[in-house]
Full PDB file with SEQRES, HELIX, SHEET, SSBOND, CRYST1, ORIGX, SCALE, CONECT and MASTER records, all heavy atoms in Angstrom:
SEQRES   1 A   35  SER GLU THR GLY SER GLY TYR SER PHE ILE ARG ALA ASP          
SEQRES   2 A   35  LEU ALA ASP ARG GLY GLN VAL GLU ALA CYS PHE ALA SER          
SEQRES   3 A   35  HIS ARG PHE ASP ARG VAL ILE HIS LEU                          
HELIX    1 AA1 ARG A   17  SER A   26  1                                  10    
CRYST1    1.000    1.000    1.000  90.00  90.00  90.00 P 1           1          
ORIGX1      1.000000  0.000000  0.000000        0.00000                         
ORIGX2      0.000000  1.000000  0.000000        0.00000                         
ORIGX3      0.000000  0.000000  1.000000        0.00000                         
SCALE1      1.000000  0.000000  0.000000        0.00000                         
SCALE2      0.000000  1.000000  0.000000        0.00000                         
SCALE3      0.000000  0.000000  1.000000        0.00000                         
ATOM      1  N   SER A   1       0.867  -1.165   0.022  1.00  0.00           N  
ATOM      2  CA  SER A   1      -0.074   0.062   0.032  1.00  0.00           C  
ATOM      3  C   SER A   1       0.869   1.241   0.003  1.00  0.00           C  
ATOM      4  O   SER A   1       0.612   2.168  -0.740  1.00  0.00           O  
ATOM      5  CB  SER A   1      -0.940  -0.072   1.228  1.00  0.00           C  
ATOM      6  OG  SER A   1      -1.673   1.194   1.350  1.00  0.00           O  
ATOM      7  N   GLU A   2       1.881   1.193   0.818  1.00  0.00           N  
ATOM      8  CA  GLU A   2       2.777   2.437   0.931  1.00  0.00           C  
ATOM      9  C   GLU A   2       3.575   2.622  -0.332  1.00  0.00           C  
ATOM     10  O   GLU A   2       3.892   3.855  -0.628  1.00  0.00           O  
ATOM     11  CB  GLU A   2       3.757   2.320   2.100  1.00  0.00           C  
ATOM     12  CG  GLU A   2       2.993   2.330   3.503  1.00  0.00           C  
ATOM     13  CD  GLU A   2       3.869   2.039   4.646  1.00  0.00           C  
ATOM     14  OE1 GLU A   2       5.049   1.574   4.410  1.00  0.00           O  
ATOM     15  OE2 GLU A   2       3.378   2.202   5.853  1.00  0.00           O  
ATOM     16  N   THR A   3       3.957   1.548  -1.055  1.00  0.00           N  
ATOM     17  CA  THR A   3       4.899   1.791  -2.204  1.00  0.00           C  
ATOM     18  C   THR A   3       4.106   1.734  -3.475  1.00  0.00           C  
ATOM     19  O   THR A   3       4.648   2.107  -4.561  1.00  0.00           O  
ATOM     20  CB  THR A   3       5.879   0.587  -2.283  1.00  0.00           C  
ATOM     21  OG1 THR A   3       5.134  -0.644  -2.410  1.00  0.00           O  
ATOM     22  CG2 THR A   3       6.718   0.560  -1.067  1.00  0.00           C  
ATOM     23  N   GLY A   4       2.802   1.320  -3.541  1.00  0.00           N  
ATOM     24  CA  GLY A   4       2.067   1.208  -4.742  1.00  0.00           C  
ATOM     25  C   GLY A   4       2.453   0.054  -5.497  1.00  0.00           C  
ATOM     26  O   GLY A   4       2.079  -0.042  -6.728  1.00  0.00           O  
ATOM     27  N   SER A   5       3.225  -0.845  -4.954  1.00  0.00           N  
ATOM     28  CA  SER A   5       3.662  -2.075  -5.762  1.00  0.00           C  
ATOM     29  C   SER A   5       2.575  -3.117  -5.734  1.00  0.00           C  
ATOM     30  O   SER A   5       1.676  -3.270  -4.848  1.00  0.00           O  
ATOM     31  CB  SER A   5       4.861  -2.767  -5.053  1.00  0.00           C  
ATOM     32  OG  SER A   5       5.931  -1.797  -4.997  1.00  0.00           O  
ATOM     33  N   GLY A   6       2.518  -3.822  -6.754  1.00  0.00           N  
ATOM     34  CA  GLY A   6       1.374  -4.897  -6.931  1.00  0.00           C  
ATOM     35  C   GLY A   6       1.667  -5.963  -5.958  1.00  0.00           C  
ATOM     36  O   GLY A   6       2.889  -6.490  -5.851  1.00  0.00           O  
ATOM     37  N   TYR A   7       0.608  -6.497  -5.246  1.00  0.00           N  
ATOM     38  CA  TYR A   7       0.866  -7.515  -4.390  1.00  0.00           C  
ATOM     39  C   TYR A   7      -0.438  -8.239  -4.250  1.00  0.00           C  
ATOM     40  O   TYR A   7      -1.602  -7.748  -4.135  1.00  0.00           O  
ATOM     41  CB  TYR A   7       1.189  -7.004  -2.933  1.00  0.00           C  
ATOM     42  CG  TYR A   7       1.110  -8.064  -1.863  1.00  0.00           C  
ATOM     43  CD1 TYR A   7       2.100  -9.031  -1.742  1.00  0.00           C  
ATOM     44  CD2 TYR A   7       0.185  -8.079  -0.917  1.00  0.00           C  
ATOM     45  CE1 TYR A   7       2.132 -10.031  -0.828  1.00  0.00           C  
ATOM     46  CE2 TYR A   7       0.082  -8.973   0.136  1.00  0.00           C  
ATOM     47  CZ  TYR A   7       1.024  -9.938   0.149  1.00  0.00           C  
ATOM     48  OH  TYR A   7       1.043 -10.984   1.118  1.00  0.00           O  
ATOM     49  N   SER A   8      -0.310  -9.641  -4.173  1.00  0.00           N  
ATOM     50  CA  SER A   8      -1.471 -10.510  -3.904  1.00  0.00           C  
ATOM     51  C   SER A   8      -0.927 -11.734  -3.226  1.00  0.00           C  
ATOM     52  O   SER A   8       0.206 -12.096  -3.245  1.00  0.00           O  
ATOM     53  CB  SER A   8      -2.192 -10.941  -5.315  1.00  0.00           C  
ATOM     54  OG  SER A   8      -1.278 -11.614  -6.043  1.00  0.00           O  
ATOM     55  N   PHE A   9      -1.914 -12.292  -2.384  1.00  0.00           N  
ATOM     56  CA  PHE A   9      -1.485 -13.496  -1.595  1.00  0.00           C  
ATOM     57  C   PHE A   9      -2.402 -14.698  -1.984  1.00  0.00           C  
ATOM     58  O   PHE A   9      -3.665 -14.500  -1.948  1.00  0.00           O  
ATOM     59  CB  PHE A   9      -1.483 -13.126  -0.139  1.00  0.00           C  
ATOM     60  CG  PHE A   9      -1.236 -14.268   0.741  1.00  0.00           C  
ATOM     61  CD1 PHE A   9       0.024 -14.731   0.818  1.00  0.00           C  
ATOM     62  CD2 PHE A   9      -2.253 -14.854   1.453  1.00  0.00           C  
ATOM     63  CE1 PHE A   9       0.474 -15.769   1.579  1.00  0.00           C  
ATOM     64  CE2 PHE A   9      -1.846 -15.899   2.396  1.00  0.00           C  
ATOM     65  CZ  PHE A   9      -0.538 -16.430   2.396  1.00  0.00           C  
ATOM     66  N   ILE A  10      -1.812 -15.877  -2.073  1.00  0.00           N  
ATOM     67  CA  ILE A  10      -2.499 -17.021  -2.348  1.00  0.00           C  
ATOM     68  C   ILE A  10      -2.314 -18.016  -1.090  1.00  0.00           C  
ATOM     69  O   ILE A  10      -1.230 -18.345  -0.850  1.00  0.00           O  
ATOM     70  CB  ILE A  10      -2.039 -17.835  -3.629  1.00  0.00           C  
ATOM     71  CG1 ILE A  10      -2.237 -16.823  -4.843  1.00  0.00           C  
ATOM     72  CG2 ILE A  10      -2.824 -19.032  -3.829  1.00  0.00           C  
ATOM     73  CD1 ILE A  10      -1.615 -17.360  -6.088  1.00  0.00           C  
ATOM     74  N   ARG A  11      -3.377 -18.396  -0.481  1.00  0.00           N  
ATOM     75  CA  ARG A  11      -3.286 -19.267   0.760  1.00  0.00           C  
ATOM     76  C   ARG A  11      -3.530 -20.643   0.151  1.00  0.00           C  
ATOM     77  O   ARG A  11      -4.604 -20.981  -0.275  1.00  0.00           O  
ATOM     78  CB  ARG A  11      -4.437 -18.960   1.653  1.00  0.00           C  
ATOM     79  CG  ARG A  11      -4.194 -19.515   3.135  1.00  0.00           C  
ATOM     80  CD  ARG A  11      -5.284 -19.017   4.113  1.00  0.00           C  
ATOM     81  NE  ARG A  11      -5.014 -17.558   4.231  1.00  0.00           N  
ATOM     82  CZ  ARG A  11      -4.435 -17.025   5.346  1.00  0.00           C  
ATOM     83  NH1 ARG A  11      -4.121 -17.858   6.358  1.00  0.00           N  
ATOM     84  NH2 ARG A  11      -4.335 -15.677   5.467  1.00  0.00           N  
ATOM     85  N   ALA A  12      -2.390 -21.399  -0.014  1.00  0.00           N  
ATOM     86  CA  ALA A  12      -2.484 -22.716  -0.751  1.00  0.00           C  
ATOM     87  C   ALA A  12      -1.312 -23.585  -0.229  1.00  0.00           C  
ATOM     88  O   ALA A  12      -0.285 -23.088   0.275  1.00  0.00           O  
ATOM     89  CB  ALA A  12      -2.358 -22.546  -2.253  1.00  0.00           C  
ATOM     90  N   ASP A  13      -1.558 -24.902  -0.417  1.00  0.00           N  
ATOM     91  CA  ASP A  13      -0.596 -25.883  -0.012  1.00  0.00           C  
ATOM     92  C   ASP A  13       0.231 -26.255  -1.277  1.00  0.00           C  
ATOM     93  O   ASP A  13      -0.445 -26.766  -2.221  1.00  0.00           O  
ATOM     94  CB  ASP A  13      -1.309 -27.085   0.644  1.00  0.00           C  
ATOM     95  CG  ASP A  13      -0.361 -28.119   1.117  1.00  0.00           C  
ATOM     96  OD1 ASP A  13       0.837 -28.132   0.831  1.00  0.00           O  
ATOM     97  OD2 ASP A  13      -0.753 -29.026   1.997  1.00  0.00           O  
ATOM     98  N   LEU A  14       1.540 -26.093  -1.303  1.00  0.00           N  
ATOM     99  CA  LEU A  14       2.220 -26.591  -2.432  1.00  0.00           C  
ATOM    100  C   LEU A  14       2.150 -27.969  -2.767  1.00  0.00           C  
ATOM    101  O   LEU A  14       2.431 -28.252  -3.942  1.00  0.00           O  
ATOM    102  CB  LEU A  14       3.715 -26.165  -2.122  1.00  0.00           C  
ATOM    103  CG  LEU A  14       4.079 -24.646  -2.256  1.00  0.00           C  
ATOM    104  CD1 LEU A  14       5.599 -24.565  -1.843  1.00  0.00           C  
ATOM    105  CD2 LEU A  14       3.908 -24.161  -3.622  1.00  0.00           C  
ATOM    106  N   ALA A  15       1.901 -28.780  -1.850  1.00  0.00           N  
ATOM    107  CA  ALA A  15       1.702 -30.269  -2.093  1.00  0.00           C  
ATOM    108  C   ALA A  15       0.373 -30.580  -2.965  1.00  0.00           C  
ATOM    109  O   ALA A  15       0.228 -31.632  -3.395  1.00  0.00           O  
ATOM    110  CB  ALA A  15       1.798 -31.080  -0.878  1.00  0.00           C  
ATOM    111  N   ASP A  16      -0.449 -29.562  -2.984  1.00  0.00           N  
ATOM    112  CA  ASP A  16      -1.731 -29.750  -3.714  1.00  0.00           C  
ATOM    113  C   ASP A  16      -1.404 -29.238  -5.177  1.00  0.00           C  
ATOM    114  O   ASP A  16      -1.410 -28.029  -5.439  1.00  0.00           O  
ATOM    115  CB  ASP A  16      -2.799 -28.761  -3.158  1.00  0.00           C  
ATOM    116  CG  ASP A  16      -4.218 -29.011  -3.765  1.00  0.00           C  
ATOM    117  OD1 ASP A  16      -4.190 -29.185  -5.055  1.00  0.00           O  
ATOM    118  OD2 ASP A  16      -5.199 -28.910  -3.113  1.00  0.00           O  
ATOM    119  N   ARG A  17      -1.302 -30.238  -6.113  1.00  0.00           N  
ATOM    120  CA  ARG A  17      -0.895 -29.934  -7.429  1.00  0.00           C  
ATOM    121  C   ARG A  17      -1.911 -29.061  -8.132  1.00  0.00           C  
ATOM    122  O   ARG A  17      -1.479 -28.197  -8.844  1.00  0.00           O  
ATOM    123  CB  ARG A  17      -0.859 -31.308  -8.127  1.00  0.00           C  
ATOM    124  CG  ARG A  17      -0.552 -31.173  -9.655  1.00  0.00           C  
ATOM    125  CD  ARG A  17      -0.396 -32.614 -10.201  1.00  0.00           C  
ATOM    126  NE  ARG A  17      -0.382 -32.607 -11.732  1.00  0.00           N  
ATOM    127  CZ  ARG A  17      -0.363 -33.643 -12.553  1.00  0.00           C  
ATOM    128  NH1 ARG A  17      -0.351 -34.904 -11.906  1.00  0.00           N  
ATOM    129  NH2 ARG A  17      -0.403 -33.603 -13.850  1.00  0.00           N  
ATOM    130  N   GLY A  18      -3.147 -29.218  -8.002  1.00  0.00           N  
ATOM    131  CA  GLY A  18      -4.147 -28.404  -8.594  1.00  0.00           C  
ATOM    132  C   GLY A  18      -4.003 -26.913  -8.278  1.00  0.00           C  
ATOM    133  O   GLY A  18      -4.124 -26.100  -9.086  1.00  0.00           O  
ATOM    134  N   GLN A  19      -3.695 -26.688  -6.926  1.00  0.00           N  
ATOM    135  CA  GLN A  19      -3.557 -25.170  -6.544  1.00  0.00           C  
ATOM    136  C   GLN A  19      -2.411 -24.604  -7.137  1.00  0.00           C  
ATOM    137  O   GLN A  19      -2.365 -23.423  -7.492  1.00  0.00           O  
ATOM    138  CB  GLN A  19      -3.504 -25.235  -4.955  1.00  0.00           C  
ATOM    139  CG  GLN A  19      -4.800 -25.550  -4.195  1.00  0.00           C  
ATOM    140  CD  GLN A  19      -4.718 -25.349  -2.790  1.00  0.00           C  
ATOM    141  OE1 GLN A  19      -3.881 -25.816  -2.029  1.00  0.00           O  
ATOM    142  NE2 GLN A  19      -5.740 -24.638  -2.116  1.00  0.00           N  
ATOM    143  N   VAL A  20      -1.318 -25.365  -7.249  1.00  0.00           N  
ATOM    144  CA  VAL A  20      -0.060 -24.760  -7.706  1.00  0.00           C  
ATOM    145  C   VAL A  20      -0.251 -24.605  -9.279  1.00  0.00           C  
ATOM    146  O   VAL A  20       0.180 -23.499  -9.881  1.00  0.00           O  
ATOM    147  CB  VAL A  20       1.177 -25.741  -7.517  1.00  0.00           C  
ATOM    148  CG1 VAL A  20       2.384 -25.218  -8.258  1.00  0.00           C  
ATOM    149  CG2 VAL A  20       1.436 -25.961  -6.006  1.00  0.00           C  
ATOM    150  N   GLU A  21      -0.855 -25.495  -9.889  1.00  0.00           N  
ATOM    151  CA  GLU A  21      -1.113 -25.320 -11.401  1.00  0.00           C  
ATOM    152  C   GLU A  21      -1.995 -24.155 -11.651  1.00  0.00           C  
ATOM    153  O   GLU A  21      -1.868 -23.280 -12.548  1.00  0.00           O  
ATOM    154  CB  GLU A  21      -1.837 -26.555 -11.968  1.00  0.00           C  
ATOM    155  CG  GLU A  21      -0.836 -27.732 -12.021  1.00  0.00           C  
ATOM    156  CD  GLU A  21      -1.579 -29.029 -12.557  1.00  0.00           C  
ATOM    157  OE1 GLU A  21      -2.818 -29.060 -12.685  1.00  0.00           O  
ATOM    158  OE2 GLU A  21      -0.810 -29.947 -13.001  1.00  0.00           O  
ATOM    159  N   ALA A  22      -3.001 -23.976 -10.769  1.00  0.00           N  
ATOM    160  CA  ALA A  22      -3.937 -22.700 -10.955  1.00  0.00           C  
ATOM    161  C   ALA A  22      -3.057 -21.427 -10.709  1.00  0.00           C  
ATOM    162  O   ALA A  22      -3.402 -20.366 -11.379  1.00  0.00           O  
ATOM    163  CB  ALA A  22      -5.093 -22.721  -9.933  1.00  0.00           C  
ATOM    164  N   CYS A  23      -2.146 -21.360  -9.777  1.00  0.00           N  
ATOM    165  CA  CYS A  23      -1.358 -20.267  -9.601  1.00  0.00           C  
ATOM    166  C   CYS A  23      -0.492 -19.894 -10.873  1.00  0.00           C  
ATOM    167  O   CYS A  23      -0.543 -18.764 -11.315  1.00  0.00           O  
ATOM    168  CB  CYS A  23      -0.375 -20.482  -8.400  1.00  0.00           C  
ATOM    169  SG  CYS A  23       0.931 -19.284  -8.145  1.00  0.00           S  
ATOM    170  N   PHE A  24       0.089 -20.831 -11.388  1.00  0.00           N  
ATOM    171  CA  PHE A  24       0.959 -20.662 -12.605  1.00  0.00           C  
ATOM    172  C   PHE A  24       0.101 -20.327 -13.760  1.00  0.00           C  
ATOM    173  O   PHE A  24       0.500 -19.534 -14.730  1.00  0.00           O  
ATOM    174  CB  PHE A  24       1.841 -21.823 -12.893  1.00  0.00           C  
ATOM    175  CG  PHE A  24       3.067 -21.748 -12.061  1.00  0.00           C  
ATOM    176  CD1 PHE A  24       3.250 -22.463 -10.766  1.00  0.00           C  
ATOM    177  CD2 PHE A  24       4.229 -21.126 -12.473  1.00  0.00           C  
ATOM    178  CE1 PHE A  24       4.354 -22.483 -10.104  1.00  0.00           C  
ATOM    179  CE2 PHE A  24       5.451 -21.155 -11.737  1.00  0.00           C  
ATOM    180  CZ  PHE A  24       5.477 -21.789 -10.528  1.00  0.00           C  
ATOM    181  N   ALA A  25      -1.172 -20.898 -13.803  1.00  0.00           N  
ATOM    182  CA  ALA A  25      -2.086 -20.532 -14.945  1.00  0.00           C  
ATOM    183  C   ALA A  25      -2.530 -19.102 -14.956  1.00  0.00           C  
ATOM    184  O   ALA A  25      -2.845 -18.495 -15.959  1.00  0.00           O  
ATOM    185  CB  ALA A  25      -3.201 -21.511 -14.956  1.00  0.00           C  
ATOM    186  N   SER A  26      -2.626 -18.535 -13.600  1.00  0.00           N  
ATOM    187  CA  SER A  26      -3.113 -17.167 -13.498  1.00  0.00           C  
ATOM    188  C   SER A  26      -2.158 -16.107 -13.528  1.00  0.00           C  
ATOM    189  O   SER A  26      -2.359 -14.959 -13.720  1.00  0.00           O  
ATOM    190  CB  SER A  26      -3.808 -17.146 -12.023  1.00  0.00           C  
ATOM    191  OG  SER A  26      -4.848 -18.033 -11.953  1.00  0.00           O  
ATOM    192  N   HIS A  27      -0.863 -16.475 -13.570  1.00  0.00           N  
ATOM    193  CA  HIS A  27       0.214 -15.509 -13.666  1.00  0.00           C  
ATOM    194  C   HIS A  27       1.322 -15.859 -14.533  1.00  0.00           C  
ATOM    195  O   HIS A  27       1.615 -17.088 -14.731  1.00  0.00           O  
ATOM    196  CB  HIS A  27       0.784 -15.197 -12.243  1.00  0.00           C  
ATOM    197  CG  HIS A  27      -0.212 -14.788 -11.147  1.00  0.00           C  
ATOM    198  ND1 HIS A  27      -0.636 -13.520 -10.927  1.00  0.00           N  
ATOM    199  CD2 HIS A  27      -1.028 -15.528 -10.245  1.00  0.00           C  
ATOM    200  CE1 HIS A  27      -1.441 -13.440 -10.068  1.00  0.00           C  
ATOM    201  NE2 HIS A  27      -1.768 -14.674  -9.600  1.00  0.00           N  
ATOM    202  N   ARG A  28       1.948 -14.854 -15.085  1.00  0.00           N  
ATOM    203  CA  ARG A  28       3.229 -15.175 -15.841  1.00  0.00           C  
ATOM    204  C   ARG A  28       4.430 -14.468 -14.992  1.00  0.00           C  
ATOM    205  O   ARG A  28       4.488 -13.323 -14.997  1.00  0.00           O  
ATOM    206  CB  ARG A  28       3.126 -14.551 -17.147  1.00  0.00           C  
ATOM    207  CG  ARG A  28       4.410 -14.703 -18.008  1.00  0.00           C  
ATOM    208  CD  ARG A  28       4.633 -16.114 -18.405  1.00  0.00           C  
ATOM    209  NE  ARG A  28       3.584 -16.636 -19.274  1.00  0.00           N  
ATOM    210  CZ  ARG A  28       3.615 -17.977 -19.814  1.00  0.00           C  
ATOM    211  NH1 ARG A  28       4.630 -18.631 -19.488  1.00  0.00           N  
ATOM    212  NH2 ARG A  28       2.632 -18.399 -20.517  1.00  0.00           N  
ATOM    213  N   PHE A  29       5.199 -15.450 -14.349  1.00  0.00           N  
ATOM    214  CA  PHE A  29       6.266 -14.894 -13.518  1.00  0.00           C  
ATOM    215  C   PHE A  29       7.488 -14.653 -14.229  1.00  0.00           C  
ATOM    216  O   PHE A  29       7.995 -15.400 -15.033  1.00  0.00           O  
ATOM    217  CB  PHE A  29       6.393 -15.854 -12.368  1.00  0.00           C  
ATOM    218  CG  PHE A  29       5.189 -16.067 -11.525  1.00  0.00           C  
ATOM    219  CD1 PHE A  29       4.597 -17.246 -11.449  1.00  0.00           C  
ATOM    220  CD2 PHE A  29       4.746 -15.041 -10.693  1.00  0.00           C  
ATOM    221  CE1 PHE A  29       3.342 -17.400 -10.705  1.00  0.00           C  
ATOM    222  CE2 PHE A  29       3.617 -15.172  -9.933  1.00  0.00           C  
ATOM    223  CZ  PHE A  29       2.936 -16.548  -9.972  1.00  0.00           C  
ATOM    224  N   ASP A  30       8.202 -13.475 -13.901  1.00  0.00           N  
ATOM    225  CA  ASP A  30       9.553 -13.248 -14.373  1.00  0.00           C  
ATOM    226  C   ASP A  30      10.517 -13.984 -13.543  1.00  0.00           C  
ATOM    227  O   ASP A  30      11.664 -14.238 -14.001  1.00  0.00           O  
ATOM    228  CB  ASP A  30       9.778 -11.783 -14.301  1.00  0.00           C  
ATOM    229  CG  ASP A  30       8.864 -10.979 -15.164  1.00  0.00           C  
ATOM    230  OD1 ASP A  30       8.823 -11.088 -16.417  1.00  0.00           O  
ATOM    231  OD2 ASP A  30       7.989 -10.179 -14.701  1.00  0.00           O  
ATOM    232  N   ARG A  31      10.276 -14.203 -12.228  1.00  0.00           N  
ATOM    233  CA  ARG A  31      11.132 -14.892 -11.365  1.00  0.00           C  
ATOM    234  C   ARG A  31      10.234 -15.730 -10.426  1.00  0.00           C  
ATOM    235  O   ARG A  31       9.180 -15.319 -10.007  1.00  0.00           O  
ATOM    236  CB  ARG A  31      12.037 -14.031 -10.610  1.00  0.00           C  
ATOM    237  CG  ARG A  31      12.944 -13.226 -11.347  1.00  0.00           C  
ATOM    238  CD  ARG A  31      14.179 -13.965 -11.909  1.00  0.00           C  
ATOM    239  NE  ARG A  31      15.174 -13.205 -12.458  1.00  0.00           N  
ATOM    240  CZ  ARG A  31      15.161 -12.703 -13.668  1.00  0.00           C  
ATOM    241  NH1 ARG A  31      14.137 -12.965 -14.443  1.00  0.00           N  
ATOM    242  NH2 ARG A  31      16.184 -11.935 -14.157  1.00  0.00           N  
ATOM    243  N   VAL A  32      10.772 -16.892 -10.018  1.00  0.00           N  
ATOM    244  CA  VAL A  32      10.133 -17.661  -8.958  1.00  0.00           C  
ATOM    245  C   VAL A  32      11.256 -17.859  -7.805  1.00  0.00           C  
ATOM    246  O   VAL A  32      12.313 -18.354  -8.156  1.00  0.00           O  
ATOM    247  CB  VAL A  32       9.630 -19.088  -9.373  1.00  0.00           C  
ATOM    248  CG1 VAL A  32       9.151 -19.839  -8.160  1.00  0.00           C  
ATOM    249  CG2 VAL A  32       8.483 -18.823 -10.267  1.00  0.00           C  
ATOM    250  N   ILE A  33      10.931 -17.417  -6.628  1.00  0.00           N  
ATOM    251  CA  ILE A  33      11.852 -17.694  -5.472  1.00  0.00           C  
ATOM    252  C   ILE A  33      11.146 -18.624  -4.404  1.00  0.00           C  
ATOM    253  O   ILE A  33      10.084 -18.165  -3.861  1.00  0.00           O  
ATOM    254  CB  ILE A  33      12.182 -16.387  -4.771  1.00  0.00           C  
ATOM    255  CG1 ILE A  33      12.869 -15.431  -5.859  1.00  0.00           C  
ATOM    256  CG2 ILE A  33      13.218 -16.580  -3.684  1.00  0.00           C  
ATOM    257  CD1 ILE A  33      13.194 -14.057  -5.348  1.00  0.00           C  
ATOM    258  N   HIS A  34      11.516 -19.846  -4.407  1.00  0.00           N  
ATOM    259  CA  HIS A  34      10.939 -20.864  -3.653  1.00  0.00           C  
ATOM    260  C   HIS A  34      11.541 -21.062  -2.312  1.00  0.00           C  
ATOM    261  O   HIS A  34      12.571 -21.554  -2.174  1.00  0.00           O  
ATOM    262  CB  HIS A  34      11.008 -22.152  -4.462  1.00  0.00           C  
ATOM    263  CG  HIS A  34      10.384 -23.376  -3.692  1.00  0.00           C  
ATOM    264  ND1 HIS A  34       9.051 -23.379  -3.182  1.00  0.00           N  
ATOM    265  CD2 HIS A  34      10.949 -24.524  -3.284  1.00  0.00           C  
ATOM    266  CE1 HIS A  34       8.902 -24.465  -2.704  1.00  0.00           C  
ATOM    267  NE2 HIS A  34       9.969 -25.209  -2.647  1.00  0.00           N  
ATOM    268  N   LEU A  35      10.809 -20.536  -1.210  1.00  0.00           N  
ATOM    269  CA  LEU A  35      11.337 -20.532   0.217  1.00  0.00           C  
ATOM    270  C   LEU A  35      10.418 -21.457   1.084  1.00  0.00           C  
ATOM    271  O   LEU A  35      10.809 -21.692   2.193  1.00  0.00           O  
ATOM    272  CB  LEU A  35      11.499 -19.203   0.686  1.00  0.00           C  
ATOM    273  CG  LEU A  35      12.415 -18.267  -0.172  1.00  0.00           C  
ATOM    274  CD1 LEU A  35      12.353 -16.784   0.555  1.00  0.00           C  
ATOM    275  CD2 LEU A  35      13.850 -18.707  -0.114  1.00  0.00           C  
TER     276      LEU A  35                                                      
MASTER        0    0    0    1    0    0    0    6  275    1    0    3          
END                                                                             
Protein backbone atom coordinates (compact mmCIF):
# COMPACT_ATOMS: atom_id res chain seq x y z
CA SER A 1 0.00 0.00 0.00
CA GLU A 2 2.78 2.43 0.92
CA THR A 3 4.85 1.77 -2.19
CA GLY A 4 2.07 1.25 -4.71
CA SER A 5 3.65 -2.05 -5.72
CA GLY A 6 1.40 -4.84 -6.93
CA TYR A 7 0.81 -7.53 -4.32
CA SER A 8 -1.49 -10.50 -3.95
CA PHE A 9 -1.49 -13.48 -1.63
CA ILE A 10 -2.54 -17.06 -2.32
CA ARG A 11 -3.32 -19.26 0.68
CA ALA A 12 -2.47 -22.68 -0.70
CA ASP A 13 -0.58 -25.90 0.01
CA LEU A 14 2.29 -26.51 -2.41
CA ALA A 15 1.69 -30.25 -2.14
CA ASP A 16 -1.72 -29.68 -3.75
CA ARG A 17 -0.91 -29.99 -7.44
CA GLY A 18 -4.14 -28.37 -8.58
CA GLN A 19 -3.58 -25.25 -6.49
CA VAL A 20 -0.04 -24.81 -7.78
CA GLU A 21 -1.14 -25.32 -11.38
CA ALA A 22 -3.88 -22.72 -10.89
CA CYS A 23 -1.31 -20.25 -9.55
CA PHE A 24 0.94 -20.62 -12.59
CA ALA A 25 -2.05 -20.54 -14.95
CA SER A 26 -3.16 -17.20 -13.48
CA HIS A 27 0.21 -15.45 -13.59
CA ARG A 28 3.25 -15.14 -15.83
CA PHE A 29 6.23 -14.87 -13.50
CA ASP A 30 9.54 -13.24 -14.37
CA ARG A 31 11.12 -14.94 -11.36
CA VAL A 32 10.14 -17.66 -8.89
CA ILE A 33 11.81 -17.68 -5.46
CA HIS A 34 10.89 -20.86 -3.64
CA LEU A 35 11.36 -20.59 0.12
